[in-house]
PDB file of N, CA and C in Angstrom:
ATOM      1  N   MET A   1     118.217  45.494  90.675  1.00  0.00           N
ATOM      2  CA  MET A   1     118.284  46.449  91.769  1.00  0.00           C
ATOM      3  C   MET A   1     117.830  45.759  93.056  1.00  0.00           C
ATOM      4  N   ASN A   2     118.509  46.081  94.079  1.00  0.00           N
ATOM      5  CA  ASN A   2     118.089  45.491  95.345  1.00  0.00           C
ATOM      6  C   ASN A   2     117.105  46.424  96.061  1.00  0.00           C
ATOM      7  N   THR A   3     116.637  46.011  97.168  1.00  0.00           N
ATOM      8  CA  THR A   3     115.605  46.745  97.907  1.00  0.00           C
ATOM      9  C   THR A   3     116.105  48.100  98.381  1.00  0.00           C
ATOM     10  N   ALA A   4     117.336  48.195  98.790  1.00  0.00           N
ATOM     11  CA  ALA A   4     117.890  49.463  99.272  1.00  0.00           C
ATOM     12  C   ALA A   4     117.938  50.488  98.140  1.00  0.00           C
ATOM     13  N   SER A   5     118.328  50.052  96.965  1.00  0.00           N
ATOM     14  CA  SER A   5     118.384  50.962  95.824  1.00  0.00           C
ATOM     15  C   SER A   5     116.990  51.430  95.436  1.00  0.00           C
ATOM     16  N   LEU A   6     116.036  50.528  95.455  1.00  0.00           N
ATOM     17  CA  LEU A   6     114.658  50.911  95.142  1.00  0.00           C
ATOM     18  C   LEU A   6     114.118  51.903  96.166  1.00  0.00           C
ATOM     19  N   ALA A   7     114.453  51.714  97.423  1.00  0.00           N
ATOM     20  CA  ALA A   7     114.009  52.634  98.474  1.00  0.00           C
ATOM     21  C   ALA A   7     114.617  54.012  98.264  1.00  0.00           C
ATOM     22  N   ILE A   8     115.901  54.047  97.927  1.00  0.00           N
ATOM     23  CA  ILE A   8     116.573  55.333  97.687  1.00  0.00           C
ATOM     24  C   ILE A   8     115.946  56.045  96.489  1.00  0.00           C
ATOM     25  N   VAL A   9     115.719  55.321  95.403  1.00  0.00           N
ATOM     26  CA  VAL A   9     115.100  55.916  94.221  1.00  0.00           C
ATOM     27  C   VAL A   9     113.691  56.413  94.549  1.00  0.00           C
ATOM     28  N   GLY A  10     112.954  55.641  95.338  1.00  0.00           N
ATOM     29  CA  GLY A  10     111.608  56.046  95.737  1.00  0.00           C
ATOM     30  C   GLY A  10     111.604  57.323  96.554  1.00  0.00           C
ATOM     31  N   VAL A  11     112.519  57.428  97.487  1.00  0.00           N
ATOM     32  CA  VAL A  11     112.634  58.640  98.317  1.00  0.00           C
ATOM     33  C   VAL A  11     113.023  59.834  97.453  1.00  0.00           C
ATOM     34  N   MET A  12     113.946  59.628  96.530  1.00  0.00           N
ATOM     35  CA  MET A  12     114.363  60.716  95.642  1.00  0.00           C
ATOM     36  C   MET A  12     113.194  61.202  94.788  1.00  0.00           C
ATOM     37  N   LEU A  13     112.398  60.274  94.275  1.00  0.00           N
ATOM     38  CA  LEU A  13     111.224  60.667  93.495  1.00  0.00           C
ATOM     39  C   LEU A  13     110.223  61.433  94.351  1.00  0.00           C
ATOM     40  N   LEU A  14     110.019  60.961  95.573  1.00  0.00           N
ATOM     41  CA  LEU A  14     109.097  61.629  96.479  1.00  0.00           C
ATOM     42  C   LEU A  14     109.564  63.049  96.797  1.00  0.00           C
ATOM     43  N   VAL A  15     110.846  63.218  97.052  1.00  0.00           N
ATOM     44  CA  VAL A  15     111.400  64.551  97.322  1.00  0.00           C
ATOM     45  C   VAL A  15     111.263  65.444  96.090  1.00  0.00           C
ATOM     46  N   GLY A  16     111.509  64.891  94.913  1.00  0.00           N
ATOM     47  CA  GLY A  16     111.368  65.669  93.675  1.00  0.00           C
ATOM     48  C   GLY A  16     109.947  66.135  93.456  1.00  0.00           C
ATOM     49  N   VAL A  17     108.986  65.238  93.676  1.00  0.00           N
ATOM     50  CA  VAL A  17     107.581  65.608  93.496  1.00  0.00           C
ATOM     51  C   VAL A  17     107.176  66.660  94.529  1.00  0.00           C
ATOM     52  N   ALA A  18     107.611  66.489  95.778  1.00  0.00           N
ATOM     53  CA  ALA A  18     107.288  67.465  96.828  1.00  0.00           C
ATOM     54  C   ALA A  18     107.901  68.822  96.518  1.00  0.00           C
ATOM     55  N   SER A  19     109.120  68.828  96.010  1.00  0.00           N
ATOM     56  CA  SER A  19     109.768  70.093  95.648  1.00  0.00           C
ATOM     57  C   SER A  19     109.043  70.779  94.503  1.00  0.00           C
ATOM     58  N   ALA A  20     108.662  69.991  93.503  1.00  0.00           N
ATOM     59  CA  ALA A  20     107.936  70.561  92.368  1.00  0.00           C
ATOM     60  C   ALA A  20     106.602  71.138  92.821  1.00  0.00           C
ATOM     61  N   LEU A  21     105.908  70.441  93.696  1.00  0.00           N
ATOM     62  CA  LEU A  21     104.633  70.935  94.209  1.00  0.00           C
ATOM     63  C   LEU A  21     104.837  72.220  95.012  1.00  0.00           C
ATOM     64  N   GLY A  22     105.881  72.263  95.827  1.00  0.00           N
ATOM     65  CA  GLY A  22     106.178  73.467  96.607  1.00  0.00           C
ATOM     66  C   GLY A  22     106.476  74.658  95.717  1.00  0.00           C
ATOM     67  N   LEU A  23     107.269  74.440  94.680  1.00  0.00           N
ATOM     68  CA  LEU A  23     107.581  75.529  93.748  1.00  0.00           C
ATOM     69  C   LEU A  23     106.331  75.992  93.006  1.00  0.00           C
ATOM     70  N   TYR A  24     105.478  75.049  92.636  1.00  0.00           N
ATOM     71  CA  TYR A  24     104.237  75.398  91.938  1.00  0.00           C
ATOM     72  C   TYR A  24     103.357  76.267  92.825  1.00  0.00           C
ATOM     73  N   ARG A  25     103.218  75.871  94.091  1.00  0.00           N
ATOM     74  CA  ARG A  25     102.373  76.633  95.010  1.00  0.00           C
ATOM     75  C   ARG A  25     102.978  77.997  95.286  1.00  0.00           C
ATOM     76  N   ALA A  26     104.302  78.081  95.415  1.00  0.00           N
ATOM     77  CA  ALA A  26     104.964  79.359  95.651  1.00  0.00           C
ATOM     78  C   ALA A  26     104.761  80.288  94.456  1.00  0.00           C
ATOM     79  N   GLY A  27     104.798  79.739  93.251  1.00  0.00           N
ATOM     80  CA  GLY A  27     104.548  80.539  92.061  1.00  0.00           C
ATOM     81  C   GLY A  27     103.143  81.093  92.046  1.00  0.00           C
ATOM     82  N   GLY A  28     102.176  80.316  92.478  1.00  0.00           N
ATOM     83  CA  GLY A  28     100.795  80.790  92.554  1.00  0.00           C
ATOM     84  C   GLY A  28     100.644  81.915  93.556  1.00  0.00           C
ATOM     85  N   LYS A  29     101.345  81.800  94.690  1.00  0.00           N
ATOM     86  CA  LYS A  29     101.288  82.861  95.696  1.00  0.00           C
ATOM     87  C   LYS A  29     101.929  84.132  95.169  1.00  0.00           C
ATOM     88  N   SER A  30     103.014  83.975  94.425  1.00  0.00           N
ATOM     89  CA  SER A  30     103.680  85.130  93.845  1.00  0.00           C
ATOM     90  C   SER A  30     102.758  85.836  92.855  1.00  0.00           C
ATOM     91  N   GLN A  31     102.054  85.054  92.060  1.00  0.00           N
ATOM     92  CA  GLN A  31     101.123  85.641  91.087  1.00  0.00           C
ATOM     93  C   GLN A  31     100.003  86.368  91.808  1.00  0.00           C
ATOM     94  N   LYS A  32      99.509  85.793  92.917  1.00  0.00           N
ATOM     95  CA  LYS A  32      98.468  86.458  93.688  1.00  0.00           C
ATOM     96  C   LYS A  32      98.991  87.765  94.279  1.00  0.00           C
ATOM     97  N   ALA A  33     100.245  87.763  94.717  1.00  0.00           N
ATOM     98  CA  ALA A  33     100.833  88.984  95.263  1.00  0.00           C
ATOM     99  C   ALA A  33     100.957  90.048  94.186  1.00  0.00           C
ATOM    100  N   ASP A  34     101.353  89.649  92.983  1.00  0.00           N
ATOM    101  CA  ASP A  34     101.438  90.598  91.878  1.00  0.00           C
ATOM    102  C   ASP A  34     100.071  91.178  91.561  1.00  0.00           C
ATOM    103  N   THR A  35      99.047  90.327  91.576  1.00  0.00           N
ATOM    104  CA  THR A  35      97.688  90.801  91.309  1.00  0.00           C
ATOM    105  C   THR A  35      97.246  91.768  92.396  1.00  0.00           C
ATOM    106  N   ALA A  36      97.560  91.460  93.642  1.00  0.00           N
ATOM    107  CA  ALA A  36      97.199  92.352  94.745  1.00  0.00           C
ATOM    108  C   ALA A  36      97.924  93.687  94.616  1.00  0.00           C
ATOM    109  N   ASP A  37      99.202  93.659  94.238  1.00  0.00           N
ATOM    110  CA  ASP A  37      99.953  94.899  94.043  1.00  0.00           C
ATOM    111  C   ASP A  37      99.320  95.746  92.948  1.00  0.00           C
ATOM    112  N   GLN A  38      98.889  95.103  91.866  1.00  0.00           N
ATOM    113  CA  GLN A  38      98.245  95.832  90.773  1.00  0.00           C
ATOM    114  C   GLN A  38      96.915  96.416  91.234  1.00  0.00           C
ATOM    115  N   ASP A  39      96.172  95.668  92.056  1.00  0.00           N
ATOM    116  CA  ASP A  39      94.907  96.185  92.583  1.00  0.00           C
ATOM    117  C   ASP A  39      95.136  97.416  93.450  1.00  0.00           C
ATOM    118  N   VAL A  40      96.204  97.392  94.244  1.00  0.00           N
ATOM    119  CA  VAL A  40      96.528  98.548  95.087  1.00  0.00           C
ATOM    120  C   VAL A  40      96.875  99.753  94.218  1.00  0.00           C
ATOM    121  N   LYS A  41      97.677  99.526  93.181  1.00  0.00           N
ATOM    122  CA  LYS A  41      98.047 100.626  92.284  1.00  0.00           C
ATOM    123  C   LYS A  41      96.821 101.196  91.582  1.00  0.00           C
ATOM    124  N   ASP A  42      95.906 100.321  91.159  1.00  0.00           N
ATOM    125  CA  ASP A  42      94.681 100.786  90.512  1.00  0.00           C
ATOM    126  C   ASP A  42      93.843 101.623  91.469  1.00  0.00           C
ATOM    127  N   ALA A  43      93.732 101.160  92.716  1.00  0.00           N
ATOM    128  CA  ALA A  43      92.950 101.892  93.712  1.00  0.00           C
ATOM    129  C   ALA A  43      93.578 103.257  93.996  1.00  0.00           C
ATOM    130  N   GLN A  44      94.907 103.296  94.093  1.00  0.00           N
ATOM    131  CA  GLN A  44      95.585 104.570  94.337  1.00  0.00           C
ATOM    132  C   GLN A  44      95.378 105.524  93.170  1.00  0.00           C
ATOM    133  N   SER A  45      95.396 104.999  91.963  1.00  0.00           N
ATOM    134  CA  SER A  45      95.167 105.827  90.782  1.00  0.00           C
ATOM    135  C   SER A  45      93.752 106.396  90.786  1.00  0.00           C
ATOM    136  N   GLN A  46      92.779 105.573  91.148  1.00  0.00           N
ATOM    137  CA  GLN A  46      91.398 106.038  91.204  1.00  0.00           C
ATOM    138  C   GLN A  46      91.228 107.114  92.274  1.00  0.00           C
ATOM    139  N   VAL A  47      91.885 106.935  93.416  1.00  0.00           N
ATOM    140  CA  VAL A  47      91.807 107.941  94.481  1.00  0.00           C
ATOM    141  C   VAL A  47      92.424 109.254  93.998  1.00  0.00           C
ATOM    142  N   ALA A  48      93.553 109.173  93.333  1.00  0.00           N
ATOM    143  CA  ALA A  48      94.208 110.384  92.819  1.00  0.00           C
ATOM    144  C   ALA A  48      93.317 111.087  91.794  1.00  0.00           C
ATOM    145  N   GLN A  49      92.676 110.322  90.917  1.00  0.00           N
ATOM    146  CA  GLN A  49      91.772 110.916  89.931  1.00  0.00           C
ATOM    147  C   GLN A  49      90.590 111.590  90.618  1.00  0.00           C
ATOM    148  N   GLN A  50      90.039 110.939  91.637  1.00  0.00           N
ATOM    149  CA  GLN A  50      88.898 111.513  92.351  1.00  0.00           C
ATOM    150  C   GLN A  50      89.303 112.786  93.081  1.00  0.00           C
ATOM    151  N   GLN A  51      90.492 112.783  93.688  1.00  0.00           N
ATOM    152  CA  GLN A  51      90.962 113.978  94.377  1.00  0.00           C
ATOM    153  C   GLN A  51      91.169 115.127  93.397  1.00  0.00           C
ATOM    154  N   ALA A  52      91.687 114.821  92.214  1.00  0.00           N
ATOM    155  CA  ALA A  52      91.882 115.856  91.203  1.00  0.00           C
ATOM    156  C   ALA A  52      90.537 116.425  90.750  1.00  0.00           C
ATOM    157  N   MET A  53      89.552 115.547  90.578  1.00  0.00           N
ATOM    158  CA  MET A  53      88.217 116.012  90.186  1.00  0.00           C
ATOM    159  C   MET A  53      87.602 116.874  91.292  1.00  0.00           C
ATOM    160  N   ASP A  54      87.776 116.453  92.540  1.00  0.00           N
ATOM    161  CA  ASP A  54      87.249 117.228  93.661  1.00  0.00           C
ATOM    162  C   ASP A  54      87.914 118.600  93.734  1.00  0.00           C
ATOM    163  N   GLN A  55      89.227 118.634  93.495  1.00  0.00           N
ATOM    164  CA  GLN A  55      89.941 119.908  93.545  1.00  0.00           C
ATOM    165  C   GLN A  55      89.476 120.835  92.425  1.00  0.00           C
ATOM    166  N   ARG A  56      89.272 120.280  91.227  1.00  0.00           N
ATOM    167  CA  ARG A  56      88.771 121.112  90.127  1.00  0.00           C
ATOM    168  C   ARG A  56      87.391 121.656  90.467  1.00  0.00           C
ATOM    169  N   GLY A  57      86.573 120.832  91.120  1.00  0.00           N
ATOM    170  CA  GLY A  57      85.244 121.298  91.525  1.00  0.00           C
ATOM    171  C   GLY A  57      85.334 122.396  92.573  1.00  0.00           C
ATOM    172  N   ALA A  58      86.297 122.288  93.491  1.00  0.00           N
ATOM    173  CA  ALA A  58      86.473 123.308  94.525  1.00  0.00           C
ATOM    174  C   ALA A  58      87.006 124.602  93.926  1.00  0.00           C
ATOM    175  N   ASP A  59      87.817 124.477  92.878  1.00  0.00           N
ATOM    176  CA  ASP A  59      88.383 125.669  92.237  1.00  0.00           C
ATOM    177  C   ASP A  59      87.412 126.325  91.266  1.00  0.00           C
ATOM    178  N   ALA A  60      86.357 125.636  90.911  1.00  0.00           N
ATOM    179  CA  ALA A  60      85.404 126.157  89.928  1.00  0.00           C
ATOM    180  C   ALA A  60      84.591 127.306  90.533  1.00  0.00           C
ATOM    181  N   PRO A  61      84.150 128.234  89.710  1.00  0.00           N
ATOM    182  CA  PRO A  61      83.298 129.322  90.216  1.00  0.00           C
ATOM    183  C   PRO A  61      82.023 128.754  90.838  1.00  0.00           C
ATOM    184  N   GLN A  62      81.647 129.299  91.995  1.00  0.00           N
ATOM    185  CA  GLN A  62      80.503 128.776  92.720  1.00  0.00           C
ATOM    186  C   GLN A  62      79.223 129.581  92.489  1.00  0.00           C
ATOM    187  N   THR A  63      79.365 130.820  92.087  1.00  0.00           N
ATOM    188  CA  THR A  63      78.177 131.647  91.850  1.00  0.00           C
ATOM    189  C   THR A  63      78.183 132.130  90.409  1.00  0.00           C
ATOM    190  N   VAL A  64      77.066 132.661  89.995  1.00  0.00           N
ATOM    191  CA  VAL A  64      76.958 133.186  88.625  1.00  0.00           C
ATOM    192  C   VAL A  64      77.930 134.331  88.431  1.00  0.00           C
ATOM    193  N   ASP A  65      78.060 135.196  89.438  1.00  0.00           N
ATOM    194  CA  ASP A  65      78.988 136.324  89.314  1.00  0.00           C
ATOM    195  C   ASP A  65      80.433 135.843  89.173  1.00  0.00           C
ATOM    196  N   GLU A  66      80.814 134.842  89.956  1.00  0.00           N
ATOM    197  CA  GLU A  66      82.171 134.304  89.839  1.00  0.00           C
ATOM    198  C   GLU A  66      82.376 133.687  88.458  1.00  0.00           C
ATOM    199  N   PHE A  67      81.362 133.003  87.949  1.00  0.00           N
ATOM    200  CA  PHE A  67      81.453 132.386  86.635  1.00  0.00           C
ATOM    201  C   PHE A  67      81.593 133.443  85.550  1.00  0.00           C
ATOM    202  N   LEU A  68      80.792 134.518  85.657  1.00  0.00           N
ATOM    203  CA  LEU A  68      80.876 135.594  84.659  1.00  0.00           C
ATOM    204  C   LEU A  68      82.233 136.306  84.727  1.00  0.00           C
ATOM    205  N   ASP A  69      82.751 136.495  85.940  1.00  0.00           N
ATOM    206  CA  ASP A  69      84.081 137.098  86.075  1.00  0.00           C
ATOM    207  C   ASP A  69      85.144 136.205  85.441  1.00  0.00           C
ATOM    208  N   ALA A  70      85.016 134.899  85.653  1.00  0.00           N
ATOM    209  CA  ALA A  70      85.977 133.969  85.059  1.00  0.00           C
ATOM    210  C   ALA A  70      85.886 134.005  83.553  1.00  0.00           C
ATOM    211  N   LEU A  71      84.664 134.113  83.012  1.00  0.00           N
ATOM    212  CA  LEU A  71      84.502 134.218  81.553  1.00  0.00           C
ATOM    213  C   LEU A  71      85.154 135.486  81.026  1.00  0.00           C
ATOM    214  N   ASP A  72      84.959 136.594  81.743  1.00  0.00           N
ATOM    215  CA  ASP A  72      85.565 137.875  81.323  1.00  0.00           C
ATOM    216  C   ASP A  72      87.087 137.785  81.315  1.00  0.00           C
ATOM    217  N   LYS A  73      87.647 137.040  82.259  1.00  0.00           N
ATOM    218  CA  LYS A  73      89.103 136.922  82.367  1.00  0.00           C
ATOM    219  C   LYS A  73      89.650 135.818  81.471  1.00  0.00           C
ATOM    220  N   GLY A  74      88.757 135.044  80.843  1.00  0.00           N
ATOM    221  CA  GLY A  74      89.203 133.966  79.960  1.00  0.00           C
ATOM    222  C   GLY A  74      89.645 132.719  80.711  1.00  0.00           C
ATOM    223  N   LYS A  75      89.219 132.548  81.937  1.00  0.00           N
ATOM    224  CA  LYS A  75      89.633 131.405  82.733  1.00  0.00           C
ATOM    225  C   LYS A  75      88.596 130.289  82.740  1.00  0.00           C
ATOM    226  N   ALA A  76      87.433 130.520  82.161  1.00  0.00           N
ATOM    227  CA  ALA A  76      86.393 129.499  82.179  1.00  0.00           C
ATOM    228  C   ALA A  76      86.230 128.886  80.815  1.00  0.00           C
TER     229      ALA A  76
END
């Protein structure tokens, strides 16, 4: 092989390694984005659960008389 061929092969190897490194880093960013999306979904689920609990607390009888009325009606 002459010098020109070795230079071409060297450049091709360098481009291949750079491309592989770029794809590897892009894959890591994609995985981080997926993890962030899952974290957002988890947070939204927790907020929805908390809101449901708060609503049940707001709908619950607040006084003894309301509680006794709810028991009489079979709602408690």
